[in-house]
Amino acid sequence: MESLRQLYRIGYGPSSSHTMGPRFSATHFLSNNQEACRFEADLYGSLAATGKGHLTDKAIREVFEASSKPVEIVWFPDIEKPYHPNALTLRSFDRNNNLLSEQTYYSVGGGRVVIEGHAEADPPQIYPKEYSTMRQILDYCNQEGMQLWEFVIQFEGMEILSFVEEVWSVMSEAVENGLNAEGVLPGGLKLQRKAWQYNAKAAEFTGPLGNTALALSYALAVSEENAGGGKIVTAPTCGSCGVLPGVIYYLAKQYKFPKIKILRALLTAGIIGNVVKTNGSISGAEVGCQGEVGVACAMASGAATQLLGGTIYQVEYAAEMGLEHHLGLTCDPMRGLVQIPCIERNALATMRSIDHCTYALLGDGRHKVSFDNVIEVMMETGQALPSLYRETSRGGLAKVMS
């Protein structure tokens, strides 16, 4: 498995696969073709189908415009490259229009990019192969008397705490910025920001309903920041970035946890997301929203369970429920925007994460279906989903406002 630094990526929304990935691809290609006079960018599959709503073209243009280089963007929504649905081919030309270079990039989810023919560019594998499944990790932790966050530190070193401290800082700022922002989100749906209203109303609720409603408002705040192109952390993606900070920010406020406990919870959430990323997928274009909001819910459920004193087995159980109960969830954004149904899904997944935590803590951690089992089923389900429901905006809710 790769470092958690490859999972938690700090950047700007609205999409890790459709905005962050293409921006990196364009930057990488431009850096290797500074002598070129003009460029072409061909977008394939999901990148083309929902690219305009995800600001893919804007992200690419900004890179080349910063160097005063013209770029022509061509869309091929009906053509999918074999390796992954999110494909981008870049070409450079000299002043006589001769082709200088051509490279294909795959934005595989969570902001990660695979460069065709460049396996050596893949991030290094930090964790030994024998600890790539949740069962293997749990067995090791049980044998060594470790918590999941200690497992992360053993292989990533103490410096990973400094990294997740920055992650937590950006997450917290996204919550606070989102709560203070008002107005209409960009993109044409004319969707109003609601987090500030929900937060104000939740503060006036009495009893347990009011408390949990606050968590919902925190998730809304981050998701709206993402939809508006604000600074966020992929957890595991931009489209699902509100769930984990929504849950952790809420618990931090309610229980006054010291920062170190928050950072440890983020490490645990990270290893949960990493296991899915390694053995499954976090790409909506590949497996639907179950790989985004479903995985985010699993990460938040496990992190919350650890924060509230759960064992490693209760943490795994909570994470398993987070993913299991999102199986089959489609990715069908209206007009390709990370707004409807994405923002509400983040908010409701936050509530479900807290419920999964509660359920797991009431038991002793024993259950029939393992987290690894659910990852396998998620992949099988995702591959069975028609492309209409995998981030192409051609089916499901996307058809309501096509």
Protein backbone atom coordinates (compact mmCIF):
# COMPACT_ATOMS: atom_id res chain seq x y z
CA MET A 1 0.00 0.00 0.00
CA GLU A 2 1.01 3.59 -0.62
CA SER A 3 1.51 6.26 2.00
CA LEU A 4 -1.50 8.05 3.44
CA ARG A 5 0.02 11.12 1.80
CA GLN A 6 -1.32 9.69 -1.47
CA LEU A 7 -4.82 9.30 -0.02
CA TYR A 8 -5.21 12.60 1.81
CA ARG A 9 -4.50 15.20 -0.87
CA ILE A 10 -4.86 18.89 -0.14
CA GLY A 11 -6.20 20.87 -3.06
CA TYR A 12 -9.17 22.64 -4.57
CA GLY A 13 -12.53 21.19 -5.61
CA PRO A 14 -14.83 20.23 -7.01
CA SER A 15 -13.44 16.84 -8.08
CA SER A 16 -10.30 14.90 -7.26
CA SER A 17 -10.54 12.74 -10.39
CA HIS A 18 -11.92 15.36 -12.76
CA THR A 19 -10.20 18.52 -11.49
CA MET A 20 -7.13 17.67 -9.41
CA GLY A 21 -6.00 14.79 -11.64
CA PRO A 22 -6.26 16.66 -14.96
CA ARG A 23 -4.56 19.71 -13.44
CA PHE A 24 -1.61 17.57 -12.36
CA SER A 25 -1.52 15.87 -15.77
CA ALA A 26 -1.42 19.18 -17.62
CA THR A 27 1.26 20.53 -15.29
CA HIS A 28 3.38 17.42 -15.73
CA PHE A 29 3.08 17.45 -19.53
CA LEU A 30 3.79 21.17 -19.81
CA SER A 31 6.90 20.86 -17.66
CA ASN A 32 8.27 18.29 -20.12
CA ASN A 33 7.31 20.31 -23.21
CA GLN A 34 8.25 23.90 -22.43
CA GLU A 35 9.55 24.43 -25.98
CA ALA A 36 6.19 23.63 -27.60
CA CYS A 37 4.11 26.39 -29.20
CA ARG A 38 0.66 24.89 -28.79
CA PHE A 39 -1.10 21.93 -27.19
CA GLU A 40 -4.10 19.65 -27.64
CA ALA A 41 -6.02 17.83 -24.93
CA ASP A 42 -8.37 14.93 -25.73
CA LEU A 43 -10.76 13.97 -22.92
CA TYR A 44 -12.26 10.47 -22.94
CA GLY A 45 -15.05 8.63 -21.15
CA SER A 46 -16.18 10.07 -17.87
CA LEU A 47 -13.71 12.95 -18.05
CA ALA A 48 -15.46 14.08 -21.22
CA ALA A 49 -19.01 13.20 -20.16
CA THR A 50 -18.98 15.27 -16.96
CA GLY A 51 -15.86 17.34 -17.45
CA LYS A 52 -17.57 20.68 -17.96
CA GLY A 53 -19.57 20.32 -14.77
CA HIS A 54 -16.42 19.31 -12.90
CA LEU A 55 -14.44 22.23 -14.38
CA THR A 56 -11.99 19.84 -16.05
CA ASP A 57 -11.47 22.14 -19.02
CA LYS A 58 -11.01 25.15 -16.73
CA ALA A 59 -8.34 23.32 -14.72
CA ILE A 60 -6.43 22.36 -17.88
CA ARG A 61 -6.70 25.80 -19.45
CA GLU A 62 -5.44 27.52 -16.31
CA VAL A 63 -2.25 25.47 -16.41
CA PHE A 64 -1.41 26.36 -20.00
CA GLU A 65 -2.61 29.96 -19.77
CA ALA A 66 -0.22 30.53 -16.86
CA SER A 67 2.60 29.90 -19.39
CA SER A 68 0.81 31.77 -22.20
CA LYS A 69 0.41 28.53 -24.18
CA PRO A 70 -2.74 27.88 -26.24
CA VAL A 71 -4.54 24.57 -25.74
CA GLU A 72 -7.38 23.03 -27.74
CA ILE A 73 -9.68 20.70 -25.82
CA VAL A 74 -11.64 17.98 -27.62
CA TRP A 75 -14.31 15.86 -25.92
CA PHE A 76 -14.88 12.14 -26.56
CA PRO A 77 -17.56 11.05 -24.05
CA ASP A 78 -18.45 7.88 -25.98
CA ILE A 79 -14.91 6.52 -26.13
CA GLU A 80 -13.38 4.77 -23.11
CA LYS A 81 -9.73 3.78 -22.91
CA PRO A 82 -9.22 0.19 -21.68
CA TYR A 83 -7.23 1.04 -18.54
CA HIS A 84 -9.67 3.47 -16.87
CA PRO A 85 -12.73 5.59 -17.79
CA ASN A 86 -10.96 8.84 -16.82
CA ALA A 87 -8.44 9.26 -19.64
CA LEU A 88 -6.68 12.36 -20.94
CA THR A 89 -4.30 12.45 -23.92
CA LEU A 90 -2.08 15.52 -24.30
CA ARG A 91 -0.10 16.47 -27.39
CA SER A 92 2.45 19.21 -28.05
CA PHE A 93 3.33 20.87 -31.38
CA ASP A 94 6.06 23.16 -32.66
CA ARG A 95 5.55 26.40 -34.62
CA ASN A 96 5.28 24.40 -37.86
CA ASN A 97 2.54 22.25 -36.38
CA ASN A 98 4.76 19.18 -36.14
CA LEU A 99 3.93 16.76 -33.35
CA LEU A 100 6.58 16.88 -30.63
CA SER A 101 5.17 14.65 -27.95
CA GLU A 102 2.08 12.70 -26.93
CA GLN A 103 1.17 11.24 -23.55
CA THR A 104 -1.94 9.63 -22.05
CA TYR A 105 -2.82 10.08 -18.39
CA TYR A 106 -5.43 8.23 -16.30
CA SER A 107 -7.03 10.01 -13.36
CA VAL A 108 -7.87 6.96 -11.27
CA GLY A 109 -9.53 8.61 -8.28
CA GLY A 110 -8.58 10.55 -5.19
CA GLY A 111 -6.39 12.88 -7.24
CA ARG A 112 -3.98 10.12 -8.24
CA VAL A 113 -2.76 9.97 -11.83
CA VAL A 114 -1.27 7.00 -13.68
CA ILE A 115 0.94 7.89 -16.64
CA GLU A 116 0.68 5.40 -19.49
CA GLY A 117 3.94 3.57 -20.00
CA HIS A 118 5.52 5.05 -16.86
CA ALA A 119 5.05 2.49 -14.10
CA GLU A 120 8.10 3.90 -12.35
CA ALA A 121 6.11 7.09 -11.66
CA ASP A 122 3.79 5.22 -9.32
CA PRO A 123 4.13 6.20 -5.64
CA PRO A 124 6.33 3.89 -3.55
CA GLN A 125 4.70 1.11 -1.57
CA ILE A 126 5.18 2.01 2.10
CA TYR A 127 3.45 -1.00 3.64
CA PRO A 128 4.63 -4.61 3.14
CA LYS A 129 2.50 -6.67 0.76
CA GLU A 130 1.68 -9.13 3.53
CA TYR A 131 -0.30 -6.36 5.23
CA SER A 132 -2.54 -5.27 2.37
CA THR A 133 -5.93 -6.51 3.62
CA MET A 134 -7.81 -5.52 6.74
CA ARG A 135 -7.67 -9.09 8.07
CA GLN A 136 -3.88 -9.15 7.75
CA ILE A 137 -3.59 -5.79 9.48
CA LEU A 138 -5.93 -6.78 12.30
CA ASP A 139 -4.05 -10.02 12.89
CA TYR A 140 -0.77 -8.14 13.05
CA CYS A 141 -2.16 -5.49 15.41
CA ASN A 142 -3.64 -8.15 17.65
CA GLN A 143 -0.35 -10.06 17.75
CA GLU A 144 1.65 -6.92 18.56
CA GLY A 145 -0.93 -5.33 20.88
CA MET A 146 -1.25 -2.34 18.56
CA GLN A 147 -4.01 0.06 17.63
CA LEU A 148 -4.56 0.75 13.94
CA TRP A 149 -3.01 4.20 14.19
CA GLU A 150 0.13 2.64 15.68
CA PHE A 151 0.32 0.32 12.68
CA VAL A 152 0.41 3.39 10.44
CA ILE A 153 3.17 5.06 12.44
CA GLN A 154 5.27 1.89 12.45
CA PHE A 155 5.57 1.98 8.66
CA GLU A 156 5.20 5.70 7.93
CA GLY A 157 7.22 7.07 10.86
CA MET A 158 6.33 9.75 13.39
CA GLU A 159 6.52 12.41 10.67
CA ILE A 160 3.15 11.24 9.36
CA LEU A 161 1.63 12.98 12.40
CA SER A 162 2.89 16.34 11.11
CA PHE A 163 1.30 15.60 7.75
CA VAL A 164 -2.12 14.73 9.20
CA GLU A 165 -1.88 17.79 11.44
CA GLU A 166 -1.86 19.85 8.25
CA VAL A 167 -4.70 17.70 6.92
CA TRP A 168 -6.75 18.41 10.04
CA SER A 169 -6.01 22.12 9.80
CA VAL A 170 -7.33 22.29 6.22
CA MET A 171 -10.36 20.17 7.14
CA SER A 172 -11.21 22.44 10.08
CA GLU A 173 -10.79 25.56 7.96
CA ALA A 174 -13.09 24.07 5.32
CA VAL A 175 -15.78 23.53 7.97
CA GLU A 176 -15.44 27.06 9.30
CA ASN A 177 -15.23 28.70 5.89
CA GLY A 178 -18.25 26.75 4.73
CA LEU A 179 -20.29 27.76 7.76
CA ASN A 180 -19.53 31.43 7.12
CA ALA A 181 -20.19 31.36 3.37
CA GLU A 182 -23.55 32.22 1.84
CA GLY A 183 -24.92 32.65 -1.67
CA VAL A 184 -25.41 30.43 -4.71
CA LEU A 185 -22.96 27.75 -5.81
CA PRO A 186 -21.52 28.09 -9.33
CA GLY A 187 -22.46 25.81 -12.20
CA GLY A 188 -26.01 26.63 -13.27
CA LEU A 189 -28.11 24.59 -10.85
CA LYS A 190 -28.58 27.75 -8.76
CA LEU A 191 -28.16 25.71 -5.59
CA GLN A 192 -27.99 27.85 -2.47
CA ARG A 193 -25.47 27.19 0.26
CA LYS A 194 -27.36 25.77 3.25
CA ALA A 195 -24.68 24.92 5.82
CA TRP A 196 -24.88 28.26 7.63
CA GLN A 197 -28.67 27.97 7.98
CA TYR A 198 -28.57 24.35 9.09
CA ASN A 199 -25.90 25.14 11.64
CA ALA A 200 -27.88 28.06 13.07
CA LYS A 201 -31.04 25.98 13.37
CA ALA A 202 -29.21 22.98 14.81
CA ALA A 203 -27.75 25.18 17.53
CA GLU A 204 -31.31 25.93 18.68
CA PHE A 205 -32.49 22.31 18.74
CA THR A 206 -32.75 20.63 22.10
CA GLY A 207 -31.86 17.06 23.04
CA PRO A 208 -29.92 14.54 20.97
CA LEU A 209 -31.54 15.66 17.70
CA GLY A 210 -29.85 19.01 17.95
CA ASN A 211 -26.45 17.55 18.65
CA THR A 212 -26.39 15.23 15.67
CA ALA A 213 -27.82 17.94 13.42
CA LEU A 214 -24.67 19.94 14.10
CA ALA A 215 -22.59 17.14 12.55
CA LEU A 216 -24.76 17.30 9.47
CA SER A 217 -24.14 21.03 9.13
CA TYR A 218 -20.36 20.54 9.36
CA ALA A 219 -20.40 18.02 6.52
CA LEU A 220 -22.56 20.35 4.43
CA ALA A 221 -20.09 23.15 5.02
CA VAL A 222 -17.13 21.17 3.64
CA SER A 223 -19.08 19.76 0.70
CA GLU A 224 -20.31 23.21 -0.27
CA GLU A 225 -16.76 24.55 -0.05
CA ASN A 226 -15.70 21.78 -2.41
CA ALA A 227 -18.55 22.48 -4.83
CA GLY A 228 -17.52 26.14 -4.85
CA GLY A 229 -13.91 25.27 -5.71
CA GLY A 230 -12.62 25.85 -2.17
CA LYS A 231 -9.64 24.26 -0.45
CA ILE A 232 -10.34 20.79 0.90
CA VAL A 233 -8.75 17.41 1.61
CA THR A 234 -9.65 14.31 -0.39
CA ALA A 235 -11.10 11.82 2.08
CA PRO A 236 -10.93 9.74 0.01
CA THR A 237 -12.09 12.03 -2.85
CA CYS A 238 -13.25 15.61 -3.37
CA GLY A 239 -16.83 14.47 -3.95
CA SER A 240 -16.88 12.71 -0.59
CA CYS A 241 -14.68 15.16 1.32
CA GLY A 242 -17.36 16.30 3.79
CA VAL A 243 -18.03 13.05 5.65
CA LEU A 244 -14.84 12.52 7.64
CA PRO A 245 -14.31 16.15 8.73
CA GLY A 246 -18.02 16.43 9.52
CA VAL A 247 -17.83 13.51 11.96
CA ILE A 248 -14.44 14.35 13.49
CA TYR A 249 -15.18 18.07 13.88
CA TYR A 250 -18.45 17.22 15.59
CA LEU A 251 -16.86 14.73 18.02
CA ALA A 252 -13.98 17.10 18.73
CA LYS A 253 -16.47 19.81 19.70
CA GLN A 254 -18.67 17.51 21.77
CA TYR A 255 -15.97 15.66 23.68
CA LYS A 256 -13.13 18.22 23.71
CA PHE A 257 -10.63 15.66 22.46
CA PRO A 258 -6.98 16.79 22.44
CA LYS A 259 -5.48 17.23 18.98
CA ILE A 260 -3.30 14.12 19.24
CA LYS A 261 -6.40 11.91 19.51
CA ILE A 262 -7.86 13.59 16.43
CA LEU A 263 -4.66 12.96 14.50
CA ARG A 264 -4.64 9.30 15.53
CA ALA A 265 -8.25 8.96 14.38
CA LEU A 266 -7.27 10.41 11.00
CA LEU A 267 -4.51 7.80 10.73
CA THR A 268 -7.05 5.05 11.40
CA ALA A 269 -9.47 6.51 8.86
CA GLY A 270 -6.59 6.71 6.40
CA ILE A 271 -5.60 3.06 6.67
CA ILE A 272 -9.25 2.08 6.17
CA GLY A 273 -9.41 4.15 3.00
CA ASN A 274 -6.04 2.83 1.88
CA VAL A 275 -7.19 -0.79 2.16
CA VAL A 276 -10.13 -0.01 -0.15
CA LYS A 277 -7.94 1.93 -2.54
CA THR A 278 -5.50 -1.00 -2.70
CA ASN A 279 -7.99 -3.84 -3.07
CA GLY A 280 -10.94 -2.03 -4.60
CA SER A 281 -11.52 1.46 -5.94
CA ILE A 282 -12.31 4.99 -4.79
CA SER A 283 -13.24 6.19 -8.28
CA GLY A 284 -16.86 7.08 -9.00
CA ALA A 285 -16.20 6.56 -12.70
CA GLU A 286 -15.12 3.00 -11.99
CA VAL A 287 -17.49 1.77 -9.24
CA GLY A 288 -20.04 4.52 -8.65
CA CYS A 289 -20.57 6.59 -5.52
CA GLN A 290 -20.16 3.54 -3.28
CA GLY A 291 -16.43 4.00 -3.88
CA GLU A 292 -16.58 7.64 -2.82
CA VAL A 293 -19.27 8.38 -0.21
CA GLY A 294 -19.39 4.70 0.79
CA VAL A 295 -15.66 4.62 1.50
CA ALA A 296 -15.80 8.02 3.21
CA CYS A 297 -18.53 6.67 5.48
CA ALA A 298 -16.41 3.62 6.29
CA MET A 299 -13.44 5.84 7.14
CA ALA A 300 -15.50 8.14 9.35
CA SER A 301 -17.31 5.25 11.05
CA GLY A 302 -14.03 3.60 11.99
CA ALA A 303 -12.40 6.84 13.13
CA ALA A 304 -15.36 7.72 15.34
CA THR A 305 -15.34 4.26 16.90
CA GLN A 306 -11.68 4.56 17.80
CA LEU A 307 -12.19 8.04 19.26
CA LEU A 308 -14.92 6.71 21.53
CA GLY A 309 -12.83 3.83 22.86
CA GLY A 310 -13.63 0.99 20.47
CA THR A 311 -11.35 -2.00 19.96
CA ILE A 312 -9.68 -2.64 16.62
CA TYR A 313 -12.41 -5.19 15.89
CA GLN A 314 -15.19 -2.71 16.67
CA VAL A 315 -13.43 -0.20 14.44
CA GLU A 316 -13.35 -2.74 11.60
CA TYR A 317 -17.04 -3.56 12.18
CA ALA A 318 -18.06 0.09 12.01
CA ALA A 319 -16.05 0.55 8.81
CA GLU A 320 -17.60 -2.57 7.32
CA MET A 321 -21.10 -1.22 7.96
CA GLY A 322 -20.14 2.13 6.46
CA LEU A 323 -19.27 0.48 3.17
CA GLU A 324 -21.82 -2.33 3.21
CA HIS A 325 -24.79 -0.03 3.56
CA HIS A 326 -23.72 2.02 0.57
CA LEU A 327 -23.31 -0.95 -1.79
CA GLY A 328 -24.79 -0.24 -5.19
CA LEU A 329 -24.84 3.54 -4.73
CA THR A 330 -24.68 5.13 -8.16
CA CYS A 331 -22.73 8.17 -9.27
CA ASP A 332 -25.24 10.26 -11.20
CA PRO A 333 -24.49 13.98 -10.67
CA MET A 334 -26.86 16.48 -12.23
CA ARG A 335 -25.13 18.33 -15.07
CA GLY A 336 -21.87 16.77 -13.98
CA LEU A 337 -21.67 19.06 -10.96
CA VAL A 338 -20.52 17.85 -7.54
CA GLN A 339 -23.71 19.25 -6.01
CA ILE A 340 -26.85 17.13 -6.46
CA PRO A 341 -26.95 14.50 -5.01
CA CYS A 342 -23.35 14.71 -3.76
CA ILE A 343 -23.70 17.37 -1.06
CA GLU A 344 -26.70 15.78 0.64
CA ARG A 345 -25.05 12.35 0.44
CA ASN A 346 -22.08 13.68 2.37
CA ALA A 347 -24.33 15.11 5.06
CA LEU A 348 -26.41 11.97 5.46
CA ALA A 349 -23.37 9.69 5.38
CA THR A 350 -22.03 11.70 8.30
CA MET A 351 -25.14 10.85 10.31
CA ARG A 352 -24.86 7.20 9.31
CA SER A 353 -21.23 7.12 10.38
CA ILE A 354 -22.23 8.12 13.89
CA ASP A 355 -24.93 5.44 13.86
CA HIS A 356 -22.44 2.79 12.72
CA CYS A 357 -20.10 3.82 15.50
CA THR A 358 -22.87 3.47 18.06
CA TYR A 359 -23.94 0.09 16.72
CA ALA A 360 -20.38 -1.26 16.75
CA LEU A 361 -19.72 -0.02 20.28
CA LEU A 362 -22.84 -1.75 21.59
CA GLY A 363 -21.44 -5.12 20.50
CA ASP A 364 -18.11 -6.84 20.97
CA GLY A 365 -16.89 -6.52 17.39
CA ARG A 366 -17.86 -10.00 16.23
CA HIS A 367 -19.85 -10.12 12.98
CA LYS A 368 -20.30 -12.33 9.92
CA VAL A 369 -19.28 -10.17 6.95
CA SER A 370 -15.75 -8.80 6.98
CA PHE A 371 -14.56 -5.46 5.64
CA ASP A 372 -12.48 -7.32 3.06
CA ASN A 373 -15.60 -9.21 1.94
CA VAL A 374 -17.46 -5.98 1.36
CA ILE A 375 -14.63 -4.52 -0.71
CA GLU A 376 -14.85 -7.54 -3.02
CA VAL A 377 -18.61 -7.13 -3.31
CA MET A 378 -18.25 -3.40 -3.94
CA MET A 379 -15.94 -4.09 -6.88
CA GLU A 380 -18.26 -6.75 -8.28
CA THR A 381 -21.25 -4.44 -7.90
CA GLY A 382 -19.43 -1.48 -9.40
CA GLN A 383 -18.35 -3.43 -12.45
CA ALA A 384 -21.95 -4.61 -12.93
CA LEU A 385 -23.29 -1.05 -12.88
CA PRO A 386 -24.04 0.25 -16.38
CA SER A 387 -21.88 3.20 -17.39
CA LEU A 388 -25.02 5.35 -17.08
CA TYR A 389 -24.53 5.21 -13.32
CA ARG A 390 -20.76 5.68 -13.14
CA GLU A 391 -20.14 9.41 -13.35
CA THR A 392 -21.32 9.96 -16.89
CA SER A 393 -24.43 12.02 -15.98
CA ARG A 394 -26.50 10.00 -18.45
CA GLY A 395 -28.72 8.08 -16.06
CA GLY A 396 -30.37 8.17 -12.67
CA LEU A 397 -30.84 11.53 -11.01
CA ALA A 398 -28.73 13.20 -13.68
CA LYS A 399 -31.60 12.77 -16.14
CA VAL A 400 -33.89 14.95 -14.01
CA MET A 401 -32.05 18.06 -15.22
CA SER A 402 -30.16 16.88 -18.29
